[in-house]
Amino acid sequence: MQGWNVFVPVPNSNYKLFVEFESGGAKKSFDLFREIKNKHQANRLSGYEPLLLAFSGCIYVIEKKGISQGLIKDDITFKLLENATKGYLRHYYNKNIKDVKMLLLVNEINTLKQKIYYN
């Protein structure tokens, strides 16, 4: 069996991207990153791989930039992540989504440090 390090370095963080939004008068919330990852793992040919790579790539860049935790307003990478999140929600849930709130949680595996970013 091949390990991670044959292709890329072993991931050193776990990601969670919690979203909360209003759609059709109802509030919804869930871990968007987990949903996309689970859909990809359930069927590797379903087309979720580019989306998973885009989300994980943005999160990785945010993590490595050394951005201060907390509220993020002006970071272009976070804005890309926010735009991709809204596009995903519009496509898979409802075109009329409102009040999208995001909370990005990065858990470093080796150090057990946790970083939190939100809009």
PDB file of N, CA and C in Angstrom:
ATOM      1  N   MET A   1       0.844  -1.184   0.000  1.00  0.00           N
ATOM      2  CA  MET A   1       0.000   0.000   0.000  1.00  0.00           C
ATOM      3  C   MET A   1       0.887   1.245   0.000  1.00  0.00           C
ATOM      4  N   GLN A   2       0.498   2.237  -0.781  1.00  0.00           N
ATOM      5  CA  GLN A   2       1.274   3.464  -0.882  1.00  0.00           C
ATOM      6  C   GLN A   2       0.834   4.455   0.186  1.00  0.00           C
ATOM      7  N   GLY A   3       1.793   5.169   0.719  1.00  0.00           N
ATOM      8  CA  GLY A   3       1.483   6.198   1.702  1.00  0.00           C
ATOM      9  C   GLY A   3       1.342   7.551   1.048  1.00  0.00           C
ATOM     10  N   TRP A   4       0.959   8.532   1.842  1.00  0.00           N
ATOM     11  CA  TRP A   4       0.801   9.901   1.373  1.00  0.00           C
ATOM     12  C   TRP A   4       2.078  10.443   0.756  1.00  0.00           C
ATOM     13  N   ASN A   5       3.217  10.146   1.396  1.00  0.00           N
ATOM     14  CA  ASN A   5       4.456  10.795   0.990  1.00  0.00           C
ATOM     15  C   ASN A   5       4.969  10.364  -0.376  1.00  0.00           C
ATOM     16  N   VAL A   6       4.323   9.417  -1.045  1.00  0.00           N
ATOM     17  CA  VAL A   6       4.694   9.063  -2.409  1.00  0.00           C
ATOM     18  C   VAL A   6       4.340  10.216  -3.352  1.00  0.00           C
ATOM     19  N   PHE A   7       3.264  10.935  -3.050  1.00  0.00           N
ATOM     20  CA  PHE A   7       2.764  11.976  -3.943  1.00  0.00           C
ATOM     21  C   PHE A   7       2.955  13.391  -3.396  1.00  0.00           C
ATOM     22  N   VAL A   8       2.618  13.577  -2.145  1.00  0.00           N
ATOM     23  CA  VAL A   8       2.699  14.895  -1.502  1.00  0.00           C
ATOM     24  C   VAL A   8       3.122  14.691  -0.053  1.00  0.00           C
ATOM     25  N   PRO A   9       3.563  15.757   0.605  1.00  0.00           N
ATOM     26  CA  PRO A   9       3.881  15.608   2.033  1.00  0.00           C
ATOM     27  C   PRO A   9       2.640  15.218   2.837  1.00  0.00           C
ATOM     28  N   VAL A  10       2.852  14.519   3.908  1.00  0.00           N
ATOM     29  CA  VAL A  10       1.746  14.135   4.780  1.00  0.00           C
ATOM     30  C   VAL A  10       1.100  15.400   5.342  1.00  0.00           C
ATOM     31  N   PRO A  11      -0.244  15.486   5.308  1.00  0.00           N
ATOM     32  CA  PRO A  11      -0.901  16.676   5.857  1.00  0.00           C
ATOM     33  C   PRO A  11      -0.540  16.856   7.332  1.00  0.00           C
ATOM     34  N   ASN A  12      -0.318  18.092   7.745  1.00  0.00           N
ATOM     35  CA  ASN A  12       0.015  18.339   9.145  1.00  0.00           C
ATOM     36  C   ASN A  12      -1.098  19.074   9.886  1.00  0.00           C
ATOM     37  N   SER A  13      -2.253  19.239   9.232  1.00  0.00           N
ATOM     38  CA  SER A  13      -3.394  19.907   9.860  1.00  0.00           C
ATOM     39  C   SER A  13      -4.696  19.272   9.391  1.00  0.00           C
ATOM     40  N   ASN A  14      -5.680  19.354  10.249  1.00  0.00           N
ATOM     41  CA  ASN A  14      -7.041  18.970   9.889  1.00  0.00           C
ATOM     42  C   ASN A  14      -7.861  20.239   9.766  1.00  0.00           C
ATOM     43  N   TYR A  15      -8.751  20.265   8.784  1.00  0.00           N
ATOM     44  CA  TYR A  15      -9.537  21.454   8.511  1.00  0.00           C
ATOM     45  C   TYR A  15     -11.020  21.198   8.746  1.00  0.00           C
ATOM     46  N   LYS A  16     -11.686  22.215   9.260  1.00  0.00           N
ATOM     47  CA  LYS A  16     -13.145  22.229   9.346  1.00  0.00           C
ATOM     48  C   LYS A  16     -13.579  23.617   8.899  1.00  0.00           C
ATOM     49  N   LEU A  17     -14.561  23.652   8.038  1.00  0.00           N
ATOM     50  CA  LEU A  17     -15.102  24.922   7.562  1.00  0.00           C
ATOM     51  C   LEU A  17     -16.601  24.920   7.851  1.00  0.00           C
ATOM     52  N   PHE A  18     -16.954  25.482   8.991  1.00  0.00           N
ATOM     53  CA  PHE A  18     -18.353  25.541   9.379  1.00  0.00           C
ATOM     54  C   PHE A  18     -19.017  26.712   8.682  1.00  0.00           C
ATOM     55  N   VAL A  19     -20.190  26.457   8.111  1.00  0.00           N
ATOM     56  CA  VAL A  19     -20.959  27.520   7.475  1.00  0.00           C
ATOM     57  C   VAL A  19     -22.340  27.580   8.112  1.00  0.00           C
ATOM     58  N   GLU A  20     -22.858  28.786   8.173  1.00  0.00           N
ATOM     59  CA  GLU A  20     -24.227  29.007   8.633  1.00  0.00           C
ATOM     60  C   GLU A  20     -24.833  29.996   7.660  1.00  0.00           C
ATOM     61  N   PHE A  21     -26.046  29.704   7.223  1.00  0.00           N
ATOM     62  CA  PHE A  21     -26.705  30.584   6.259  1.00  0.00           C
ATOM     63  C   PHE A  21     -28.207  30.412   6.353  1.00  0.00           C
ATOM     64  N   GLU A  22     -28.899  31.352   5.731  1.00  0.00           N
ATOM     65  CA  GLU A  22     -30.345  31.282   5.677  1.00  0.00           C
ATOM     66  C   GLU A  22     -30.761  30.954   4.249  1.00  0.00           C
ATOM     67  N   SER A  23     -31.704  30.033   4.137  1.00  0.00           N
ATOM     68  CA  SER A  23     -32.197  29.632   2.823  1.00  0.00           C
ATOM     69  C   SER A  23     -33.676  29.286   2.962  1.00  0.00           C
ATOM     70  N   GLY A  24     -34.512  29.991   2.224  1.00  0.00           N
ATOM     71  CA  GLY A  24     -35.944  29.721   2.279  1.00  0.00           C
ATOM     72  C   GLY A  24     -36.548  29.945   3.651  1.00  0.00           C
ATOM     73  N   GLY A  25     -36.009  30.900   4.392  1.00  0.00           N
ATOM     74  CA  GLY A  25     -36.532  31.205   5.716  1.00  0.00           C
ATOM     75  C   GLY A  25     -36.001  30.317   6.831  1.00  0.00           C
ATOM     76  N   ALA A  26     -35.204  29.308   6.482  1.00  0.00           N
ATOM     77  CA  ALA A  26     -34.656  28.402   7.499  1.00  0.00           C
ATOM     78  C   ALA A  26     -33.150  28.587   7.621  1.00  0.00           C
ATOM     79  N   LYS A  27     -32.650  28.499   8.840  1.00  0.00           N
ATOM     80  CA  LYS A  27     -31.200  28.561   9.064  1.00  0.00           C
ATOM     81  C   LYS A  27     -30.625  27.169   8.940  1.00  0.00           C
ATOM     82  N   LYS A  28     -29.467  27.092   8.292  1.00  0.00           N
ATOM     83  CA  LYS A  28     -28.766  25.825   8.132  1.00  0.00           C
ATOM     84  C   LYS A  28     -27.320  26.026   8.554  1.00  0.00           C
ATOM     85  N   SER A  29     -26.719  24.978   9.108  1.00  0.00           N
ATOM     86  CA  SER A  29     -25.305  25.043   9.444  1.00  0.00           C
ATOM     87  C   SER A  29     -24.712  23.640   9.404  1.00  0.00           C
ATOM     88  N   PHE A  30     -23.455  23.557   8.964  1.00  0.00           N
ATOM     89  CA  PHE A  30     -22.748  22.283   8.871  1.00  0.00           C
ATOM     90  C   PHE A  30     -21.290  22.528   8.522  1.00  0.00           C
ATOM     91  N   ASP A  31     -20.503  21.460   8.557  1.00  0.00           N
ATOM     92  CA  ASP A  31     -19.090  21.508   8.183  1.00  0.00           C
ATOM     93  C   ASP A  31     -19.001  21.276   6.675  1.00  0.00           C
ATOM     94  N   LEU A  32     -18.833  22.344   5.936  1.00  0.00           N
ATOM     95  CA  LEU A  32     -18.807  22.290   4.468  1.00  0.00           C
ATOM     96  C   LEU A  32     -17.610  21.483   3.954  1.00  0.00           C
ATOM     97  N   PHE A  33     -16.441  21.667   4.571  1.00  0.00           N
ATOM     98  CA  PHE A  33     -15.259  20.945   4.101  1.00  0.00           C
ATOM     99  C   PHE A  33     -15.471  19.440   4.241  1.00  0.00           C
ATOM    100  N   ARG A  34     -16.046  19.023   5.347  1.00  0.00           N
ATOM    101  CA  ARG A  34     -16.315  17.592   5.557  1.00  0.00           C
ATOM    102  C   ARG A  34     -17.311  17.066   4.521  1.00  0.00           C
ATOM    103  N   GLU A  35     -18.342  17.866   4.234  1.00  0.00           N
ATOM    104  CA  GLU A  35     -19.340  17.439   3.253  1.00  0.00           C
ATOM    105  C   GLU A  35     -18.692  17.189   1.889  1.00  0.00           C
ATOM    106  N   ILE A  36     -17.865  18.127   1.445  1.00  0.00           N
ATOM    107  CA  ILE A  36     -17.219  17.979   0.138  1.00  0.00           C
ATOM    108  C   ILE A  36     -16.258  16.786   0.155  1.00  0.00           C
ATOM    109  N   LYS A  37     -15.493  16.643   1.240  1.00  0.00           N
ATOM    110  CA  LYS A  37     -14.554  15.526   1.355  1.00  0.00           C
ATOM    111  C   LYS A  37     -15.292  14.185   1.355  1.00  0.00           C
ATOM    112  N   ASN A  38     -16.396  14.099   2.082  1.00  0.00           N
ATOM    113  CA  ASN A  38     -17.174  12.857   2.124  1.00  0.00           C
ATOM    114  C   ASN A  38     -17.781  12.514   0.767  1.00  0.00           C
ATOM    115  N   LYS A  39     -18.275  13.521   0.052  1.00  0.00           N
ATOM    116  CA  LYS A  39     -18.837  13.278  -1.282  1.00  0.00           C
ATOM    117  C   LYS A  39     -17.753  12.773  -2.227  1.00  0.00           C
ATOM    118  N   HIS A  40     -16.564  13.359  -2.131  1.00  0.00           N
ATOM    119  CA  HIS A  40     -15.455  12.914  -2.974  1.00  0.00           C
ATOM    120  C   HIS A  40     -15.042  11.479  -2.627  1.00  0.00           C
ATOM    121  N   GLN A  41     -14.945  11.175  -1.338  1.00  0.00           N
ATOM    122  CA  GLN A  41     -14.524   9.836  -0.924  1.00  0.00           C
ATOM    123  C   GLN A  41     -15.570   8.774  -1.242  1.00  0.00           C
ATOM    124  N   ALA A  42     -16.848   9.153  -1.267  1.00  0.00           N
ATOM    125  CA  ALA A  42     -17.912   8.207  -1.583  1.00  0.00           C
ATOM    126  C   ALA A  42     -17.867   7.775  -3.045  1.00  0.00           C
ATOM    127  N   ASN A  43     -17.446   8.690  -3.923  1.00  0.00           N
ATOM    128  CA  ASN A  43     -17.367   8.373  -5.346  1.00  0.00           C
ATOM    129  C   ASN A  43     -16.274   9.250  -5.956  1.00  0.00           C
ATOM    130  N   ARG A  44     -15.105   8.667  -6.146  1.00  0.00           N
ATOM    131  CA  ARG A  44     -13.941   9.428  -6.630  1.00  0.00           C
ATOM    132  C   ARG A  44     -14.141   9.991  -8.043  1.00  0.00           C
ATOM    133  N   LEU A  45     -15.134   9.485  -8.763  1.00  0.00           N
ATOM    134  CA  LEU A  45     -15.375   9.960 -10.131  1.00  0.00           C
ATOM    135  C   LEU A  45     -16.536  10.948 -10.213  1.00  0.00           C
ATOM    136  N   SER A  46     -17.031  11.413  -9.067  1.00  0.00           N
ATOM    137  CA  SER A  46     -18.216  12.272  -9.056  1.00  0.00           C
ATOM    138  C   SER A  46     -17.924  13.740  -9.382  1.00  0.00           C
ATOM    139  N   GLY A  47     -16.652  14.121  -9.477  1.00  0.00           N
ATOM    140  CA  GLY A  47     -16.310  15.481  -9.856  1.00  0.00           C
ATOM    141  C   GLY A  47     -16.047  16.420  -8.702  1.00  0.00           C
ATOM    142  N   TYR A  48     -15.955  15.906  -7.485  1.00  0.00           N
ATOM    143  CA  TYR A  48     -15.704  16.769  -6.328  1.00  0.00           C
ATOM    144  C   TYR A  48     -14.214  17.011  -6.069  1.00  0.00           C
ATOM    145  N   GLU A  49     -13.341  16.290  -6.752  1.00  0.00           N
ATOM    146  CA  GLU A  49     -11.911  16.450  -6.501  1.00  0.00           C
ATOM    147  C   GLU A  49     -11.415  17.878  -6.750  1.00  0.00           C
ATOM    148  N   PRO A  50     -11.746  18.523  -7.880  1.00  0.00           N
ATOM    149  CA  PRO A  50     -11.269  19.904  -8.074  1.00  0.00           C
ATOM    150  C   PRO A  50     -11.781  20.857  -6.993  1.00  0.00           C
ATOM    151  N   LEU A  51     -13.006  20.654  -6.561  1.00  0.00           N
ATOM    152  CA  LEU A  51     -13.578  21.488  -5.511  1.00  0.00           C
ATOM    153  C   LEU A  51     -12.850  21.256  -4.186  1.00  0.00           C
ATOM    154  N   LEU A  52     -12.593  20.009  -3.857  1.00  0.00           N
ATOM    155  CA  LEU A  52     -11.860  19.674  -2.638  1.00  0.00           C
ATOM    156  C   LEU A  52     -10.455  20.259  -2.674  1.00  0.00           C
ATOM    157  N   LEU A  53      -9.796  20.169  -3.813  1.00  0.00           N
ATOM    158  CA  LEU A  53      -8.445  20.733  -3.951  1.00  0.00           C
ATOM    159  C   LEU A  53      -8.461  22.260  -3.843  1.00  0.00           C
ATOM    160  N   ALA A  54      -9.472  22.891  -4.418  1.00  0.00           N
ATOM    161  CA  ALA A  54      -9.573  24.352  -4.341  1.00  0.00           C
ATOM    162  C   ALA A  54      -9.774  24.808  -2.901  1.00  0.00           C
ATOM    163  N   PHE A  55     -10.683  24.156  -2.187  1.00  0.00           N
ATOM    164  CA  PHE A  55     -10.932  24.525  -0.796  1.00  0.00           C
ATOM    165  C   PHE A  55      -9.708  24.243   0.073  1.00  0.00           C
ATOM    166  N   SER A  56      -9.132  23.060  -0.056  1.00  0.00           N
ATOM    167  CA  SER A  56      -7.977  22.732   0.796  1.00  0.00           C
ATOM    168  C   SER A  56      -6.777  23.611   0.442  1.00  0.00           C
ATOM    169  N   GLY A  57      -6.620  23.963  -0.827  1.00  0.00           N
ATOM    170  CA  GLY A  57      -5.528  24.851  -1.230  1.00  0.00           C
ATOM    171  C   GLY A  57      -5.668  26.239  -0.625  1.00  0.00           C
ATOM    172  N   CYS A  58      -6.869  26.807  -0.668  1.00  0.00           N
ATOM    173  CA  CYS A  58      -7.114  28.119  -0.055  1.00  0.00           C
ATOM    174  C   CYS A  58      -6.861  28.070   1.450  1.00  0.00           C
ATOM    175  N   ILE A  59      -7.366  27.026   2.092  1.00  0.00           N
ATOM    176  CA  ILE A  59      -7.193  26.911   3.537  1.00  0.00           C
ATOM    177  C   ILE A  59      -5.715  26.767   3.884  1.00  0.00           C
ATOM    178  N   TYR A  60      -4.991  25.985   3.114  1.00  0.00           N
ATOM    179  CA  TYR A  60      -3.558  25.797   3.350  1.00  0.00           C
ATOM    180  C   TYR A  60      -2.811  27.133   3.250  1.00  0.00           C
ATOM    181  N   VAL A  61      -3.135  27.924   2.228  1.00  0.00           N
ATOM    182  CA  VAL A  61      -2.479  29.220   2.047  1.00  0.00           C
ATOM    183  C   VAL A  61      -2.808  30.146   3.220  1.00  0.00           C
ATOM    184  N   ILE A  62      -4.066  30.172   3.634  1.00  0.00           N
ATOM    185  CA  ILE A  62      -4.455  30.993   4.783  1.00  0.00           C
ATOM    186  C   ILE A  62      -3.664  30.572   6.013  1.00  0.00           C
ATOM    187  N   GLU A  63      -3.558  29.289   6.220  1.00  0.00           N
ATOM    188  CA  GLU A  63      -2.831  28.755   7.379  1.00  0.00           C
ATOM    189  C   GLU A  63      -1.354  29.139   7.345  1.00  0.00           C
ATOM    190  N   LYS A  64      -0.724  29.052   6.195  1.00  0.00           N
ATOM    191  CA  LYS A  64       0.717  29.284   6.076  1.00  0.00           C
ATOM    192  C   LYS A  64       1.099  30.759   5.964  1.00  0.00           C
ATOM    193  N   LYS A  65       0.145  31.640   5.649  1.00  0.00           N
ATOM    194  CA  LYS A  65       0.432  33.066   5.534  1.00  0.00           C
ATOM    195  C   LYS A  65       0.771  33.701   6.874  1.00  0.00           C
ATOM    196  N   GLY A  66       0.374  33.052   7.949  1.00  0.00           N
ATOM    197  CA  GLY A  66       0.617  33.628   9.263  1.00  0.00           C
ATOM    198  C   GLY A  66      -0.362  34.731   9.610  1.00  0.00           C
ATOM    199  N   ILE A  67      -1.537  34.666   9.027  1.00  0.00           N
ATOM    200  CA  ILE A  67      -2.577  35.662   9.296  1.00  0.00           C
ATOM    201  C   ILE A  67      -3.019  35.517  10.754  1.00  0.00           C
ATOM    202  N   SER A  68      -3.241  36.632  11.412  1.00  0.00           N
ATOM    203  CA  SER A  68      -3.734  36.588  12.789  1.00  0.00           C
ATOM    204  C   SER A  68      -5.105  35.931  12.823  1.00  0.00           C
ATOM    205  N   GLN A  69      -5.325  35.167  13.868  1.00  0.00           N
ATOM    206  CA  GLN A  69      -6.613  34.510  14.032  1.00  0.00           C
ATOM    207  C   GLN A  69      -7.712  35.536  14.233  1.00  0.00           C
ATOM    208  N   GLY A  70      -8.922  35.089  14.071  1.00  0.00           N
ATOM    209  CA  GLY A  70     -10.075  35.940  14.332  1.00  0.00           C
ATOM    210  C   GLY A  70     -10.747  36.408  13.061  1.00  0.00           C
ATOM    211  N   LEU A  71     -11.338  37.578  13.147  1.00  0.00           N
ATOM    212  CA  LEU A  71     -12.078  38.155  12.033  1.00  0.00           C
ATOM    213  C   LEU A  71     -11.134  38.500  10.889  1.00  0.00           C
ATOM    214  N   ILE A  72     -11.490  38.038   9.698  1.00  0.00           N
ATOM    215  CA  ILE A  72     -10.678  38.334   8.514  1.00  0.00           C
ATOM    216  C   ILE A  72     -11.536  39.149   7.556  1.00  0.00           C
ATOM    217  N   LYS A  73     -11.040  40.327   7.201  1.00  0.00           N
ATOM    218  CA  LYS A  73     -11.800  41.202   6.306  1.00  0.00           C
ATOM    219  C   LYS A  73     -11.132  41.390   4.952  1.00  0.00           C
ATOM    220  N   ASP A  74      -9.824  41.591   4.932  1.00  0.00           N
ATOM    221  CA  ASP A  74      -9.169  42.059   3.716  1.00  0.00           C
ATOM    222  C   ASP A  74      -8.198  41.068   3.070  1.00  0.00           C
ATOM    223  N   ASP A  75      -8.216  39.826   3.468  1.00  0.00           N
ATOM    224  CA  ASP A  75      -7.288  38.864   2.871  1.00  0.00           C
ATOM    225  C   ASP A  75      -7.894  38.285   1.594  1.00  0.00           C
ATOM    226  N   ILE A  76      -7.167  38.372   0.497  1.00  0.00           N
ATOM    227  CA  ILE A  76      -7.674  37.921  -0.804  1.00  0.00           C
ATOM    228  C   ILE A  76      -7.936  36.414  -0.830  1.00  0.00           C
ATOM    229  N   THR A  77      -7.104  35.630  -0.155  1.00  0.00           N
ATOM    230  CA  THR A  77      -7.300  34.175  -0.145  1.00  0.00           C
ATOM    231  C   THR A  77      -8.566  33.818   0.616  1.00  0.00           C
ATOM    232  N   PHE A  78      -8.805  34.495   1.731  1.00  0.00           N
ATOM    233  CA  PHE A  78     -10.038  34.235   2.474  1.00  0.00           C
ATOM    234  C   PHE A  78     -11.254  34.662   1.662  1.00  0.00           C
ATOM    235  N   LYS A  79     -11.118  35.746   0.900  1.00  0.00           N
ATOM    236  CA  LYS A  79     -12.224  36.177   0.039  1.00  0.00           C
ATOM    237  C   LYS A  79     -12.502  35.143  -1.059  1.00  0.00           C
ATOM    238  N   LEU A  80     -11.443  34.521  -1.595  1.00  0.00           N
ATOM    239  CA  LEU A  80     -11.630  33.444  -2.576  1.00  0.00           C
ATOM    240  C   LEU A  80     -12.383  32.277  -1.949  1.00  0.00           C
ATOM    241  N   LEU A  81     -11.996  31.905  -0.732  1.00  0.00           N
ATOM    242  CA  LEU A  81     -12.662  30.825  -0.016  1.00  0.00           C
ATOM    243  C   LEU A  81     -14.128  31.178   0.246  1.00  0.00           C
ATOM    244  N   GLU A  82     -14.361  32.410   0.622  1.00  0.00           N
ATOM    245  CA  GLU A  82     -15.729  32.871   0.878  1.00  0.00           C
ATOM    246  C   GLU A  82     -16.568  32.837  -0.405  1.00  0.00           C
ATOM    247  N   ASN A  83     -16.003  33.266  -1.509  1.00  0.00           N
ATOM    248  CA  ASN A  83     -16.703  33.256  -2.790  1.00  0.00           C
ATOM    249  C   ASN A  83     -17.010  31.825  -3.240  1.00  0.00           C
ATOM    250  N   ALA A  84     -16.041  30.928  -3.088  1.00  0.00           N
ATOM    251  CA  ALA A  84     -16.256  29.523  -3.448  1.00  0.00           C
ATOM    252  C   ALA A  84     -17.335  28.893  -2.571  1.00  0.00           C
ATOM    253  N   THR A  85     -17.330  29.253  -1.300  1.00  0.00           N
ATOM    254  CA  THR A  85     -18.341  28.737  -0.369  1.00  0.00           C
ATOM    255  C   THR A  85     -19.735  29.187  -0.794  1.00  0.00           C
ATOM    256  N   LYS A  86     -19.887  30.463  -1.092  1.00  0.00           N
ATOM    257  CA  LYS A  86     -21.188  30.982  -1.515  1.00  0.00           C
ATOM    258  C   LYS A  86     -21.641  30.340  -2.829  1.00  0.00           C
ATOM    259  N   GLY A  87     -20.712  30.149  -3.756  1.00  0.00           N
ATOM    260  CA  GLY A  87     -21.049  29.493  -5.014  1.00  0.00           C
ATOM    261  C   GLY A  87     -21.518  28.065  -4.798  1.00  0.00           C
ATOM    262  N   TYR A  88     -20.837  27.335  -3.933  1.00  0.00           N
ATOM    263  CA  TYR A  88     -21.227  25.959  -3.612  1.00  0.00           C
ATOM    264  C   TYR A  88     -22.619  25.932  -2.993  1.00  0.00           C
ATOM    265  N   LEU A  89     -22.864  26.803  -2.023  1.00  0.00           N
ATOM    266  CA  LEU A  89     -24.160  26.830  -1.351  1.00  0.00           C
ATOM    267  C   LEU A  89     -25.284  27.184  -2.313  1.00  0.00           C
ATOM    268  N   ARG A  90     -25.041  28.160  -3.202  1.00  0.00           N
ATOM    269  CA  ARG A  90     -26.063  28.529  -4.195  1.00  0.00           C
ATOM    270  C   ARG A  90     -26.369  27.365  -5.126  1.00  0.00           C
ATOM    271  N   HIS A  91     -25.335  26.660  -5.528  1.00  0.00           N
ATOM    272  CA  HIS A  91     -25.511  25.560  -6.479  1.00  0.00           C
ATOM    273  C   HIS A  91     -26.194  24.341  -5.846  1.00  0.00           C
ATOM    274  N   TYR A  92     -25.767  23.966  -4.656  1.00  0.00           N
ATOM    275  CA  TYR A  92     -26.252  22.719  -4.068  1.00  0.00           C
ATOM    276  C   TYR A  92     -27.409  22.887  -3.089  1.00  0.00           C
ATOM    277  N   TYR A  93     -27.683  24.108  -2.638  1.00  0.00           N
ATOM    278  CA  TYR A  93     -28.740  24.285  -1.647  1.00  0.00           C
ATOM    279  C   TYR A  93     -29.867  25.180  -2.139  1.00  0.00           C
ATOM    280  N   ASN A  94     -29.549  26.406  -2.527  1.00  0.00           N
ATOM    281  CA  ASN A  94     -30.595  27.307  -2.965  1.00  0.00           C
ATOM    282  C   ASN A  94     -29.933  28.553  -3.526  1.00  0.00           C
ATOM    283  N   LYS A  95     -30.450  29.025  -4.611  1.00  0.00           N
ATOM    284  CA  LYS A  95     -29.871  30.219  -5.223  1.00  0.00           C
ATOM    285  C   LYS A  95     -30.062  31.455  -4.347  1.00  0.00           C
ATOM    286  N   ASN A  96     -31.045  31.434  -3.467  1.00  0.00           N
ATOM    287  CA  ASN A  96     -31.362  32.589  -2.631  1.00  0.00           C
ATOM    288  C   ASN A  96     -30.835  32.414  -1.206  1.00  0.00           C
ATOM    289  N   ILE A  97     -29.545  32.237  -1.063  1.00  0.00           N
ATOM    290  CA  ILE A  97     -28.973  32.125   0.275  1.00  0.00           C
ATOM    291  C   ILE A  97     -28.690  33.529   0.814  1.00  0.00           C
ATOM    292  N   LYS A  98     -28.749  33.660   2.137  1.00  0.00           N
ATOM    293  CA  LYS A  98     -28.498  34.958   2.765  1.00  0.00           C
ATOM    294  C   LYS A  98     -27.659  34.747   4.016  1.00  0.00           C
ATOM    295  N   ASP A  99     -27.008  35.811   4.428  1.00  0.00           N
ATOM    296  CA  ASP A  99     -26.287  35.844   5.708  1.00  0.00           C
ATOM    297  C   ASP A  99     -25.322  34.672   5.890  1.00  0.00           C
ATOM    298  N   VAL A 100     -24.423  34.497   4.934  1.00  0.00           N
ATOM    299  CA  VAL A 100     -23.460  33.400   5.014  1.00  0.00           C
ATOM    300  C   VAL A 100     -22.360  33.757   6.012  1.00  0.00           C
ATOM    301  N   LYS A 101     -22.233  32.925   7.023  1.00  0.00           N
ATOM    302  CA  LYS A 101     -21.180  33.087   8.021  1.00  0.00           C
ATOM    303  C   LYS A 101     -20.269  31.871   7.926  1.00  0.00           C
ATOM    304  N   MET A 102     -18.974  32.131   8.001  1.00  0.00           N
ATOM    305  CA  MET A 102     -17.986  31.050   7.901  1.00  0.00           C
ATOM    306  C   MET A 102     -17.081  31.080   9.121  1.00  0.00           C
ATOM    307  N   LEU A 103     -16.747  29.887   9.601  1.00  0.00           N
ATOM    308  CA  LEU A 103     -15.780  29.742  10.672  1.00  0.00           C
ATOM    309  C   LEU A 103     -14.814  28.641  10.256  1.00  0.00           C
ATOM    310  N   LEU A 104     -13.571  29.012  10.032  1.00  0.00           N
ATOM    311  CA  LEU A 104     -12.534  28.070   9.608  1.00  0.00           C
ATOM    312  C   LEU A 104     -11.729  27.664  10.832  1.00  0.00           C
ATOM    313  N   LEU A 105     -11.666  26.363  11.059  1.00  0.00           N
ATOM    314  CA  LEU A 105     -10.928  25.815  12.189  1.00  0.00           C
ATOM    315  C   LEU A 105      -9.788  24.958  11.654  1.00  0.00           C
ATOM    316  N   VAL A 106      -8.558  25.315  12.038  1.00  0.00           N
ATOM    317  CA  VAL A 106      -7.368  24.572  11.606  1.00  0.00           C
ATOM    318  C   VAL A 106      -6.743  23.951  12.845  1.00  0.00           C
ATOM    319  N   ASN A 107      -6.670  22.633  12.877  1.00  0.00           N
ATOM    320  CA  ASN A 107      -6.061  21.901  13.989  1.00  0.00           C
ATOM    321  C   ASN A 107      -4.738  21.319  13.519  1.00  0.00           C
ATOM    322  N   GLU A 108      -3.633  21.817  14.075  1.00  0.00           N
ATOM    323  CA  GLU A 108      -2.316  21.275  13.732  1.00  0.00           C
ATOM    324  C   GLU A 108      -2.128  19.945  14.453  1.00  0.00           C
ATOM    325  N   ILE A 109      -1.788  18.918  13.697  1.00  0.00           N
ATOM    326  CA  ILE A 109      -1.702  17.560  14.242  1.00  0.00           C
ATOM    327  C   ILE A 109      -0.536  17.406  15.208  1.00  0.00           C
ATOM    328  N   ASN A 110       0.629  17.896  14.844  1.00  0.00           N
ATOM    329  CA  ASN A 110       1.827  17.684  15.664  1.00  0.00           C
ATOM    330  C   ASN A 110       1.849  18.519  16.935  1.00  0.00           C
ATOM    331  N   THR A 111       1.433  19.767  16.842  1.00  0.00           N
ATOM    332  CA  THR A 111       1.531  20.679  17.980  1.00  0.00           C
ATOM    333  C   THR A 111       0.230  20.789  18.770  1.00  0.00           C
ATOM    334  N   LEU A 112      -0.850  20.275  18.213  1.00  0.00           N
ATOM    335  CA  LEU A 112      -2.190  20.370  18.805  1.00  0.00           C
ATOM    336  C   LEU A 112      -2.678  21.814  18.925  1.00  0.00           C
ATOM    337  N   LYS A 113      -2.019  22.741  18.194  1.00  0.00           N
ATOM    338  CA  LYS A 113      -2.454  24.132  18.174  1.00  0.00           C
ATOM    339  C   LYS A 113      -3.706  24.247  17.316  1.00  0.00           C
ATOM    340  N   GLN A 114      -4.553  25.167  17.705  1.00  0.00           N
ATOM    341  CA  GLN A 114      -5.784  25.386  16.978  1.00  0.00           C
ATOM    342  C   GLN A 114      -5.852  26.847  16.551  1.00  0.00           C
ATOM    343  N   LYS A 115      -6.216  27.062  15.296  1.00  0.00           N
ATOM    344  CA  LYS A 115      -6.385  28.414  14.776  1.00  0.00           C
ATOM    345  C   LYS A 115      -7.818  28.562  14.294  1.00  0.00           C
ATOM    346  N   ILE A 116      -8.376  29.732  14.560  1.00  0.00           N
ATOM    347  CA  ILE A 116      -9.772  30.000  14.174  1.00  0.00           C
ATOM    348  C   ILE A 116      -9.827  31.298  13.379  1.00  0.00           C
ATOM    349  N   TYR A 117     -10.486  31.233  12.225  1.00  0.00           N
ATOM    350  CA  TYR A 117     -10.683  32.393  11.373  1.00  0.00           C
ATOM    351  C   TYR A 117     -12.171  32.464  11.026  1.00  0.00           C
ATOM    352  N   TYR A 118     -12.704  33.671  10.875  1.00  0.00           N
ATOM    353  CA  TYR A 118     -14.113  33.804  10.521  1.00  0.00           C
ATOM    354  C   TYR A 118     -14.364  35.112   9.779  1.00  0.00           C
ATOM    355  N   ASN A 119     -15.522  35.172   9.117  1.00  0.00           N
ATOM    356  CA  ASN A 119     -15.888  36.396   8.389  1.00  0.00           C
ATOM    357  C   ASN A 119     -16.943  37.172   9.154  1.00  0.00           C
TER     358      ASN A 119
END
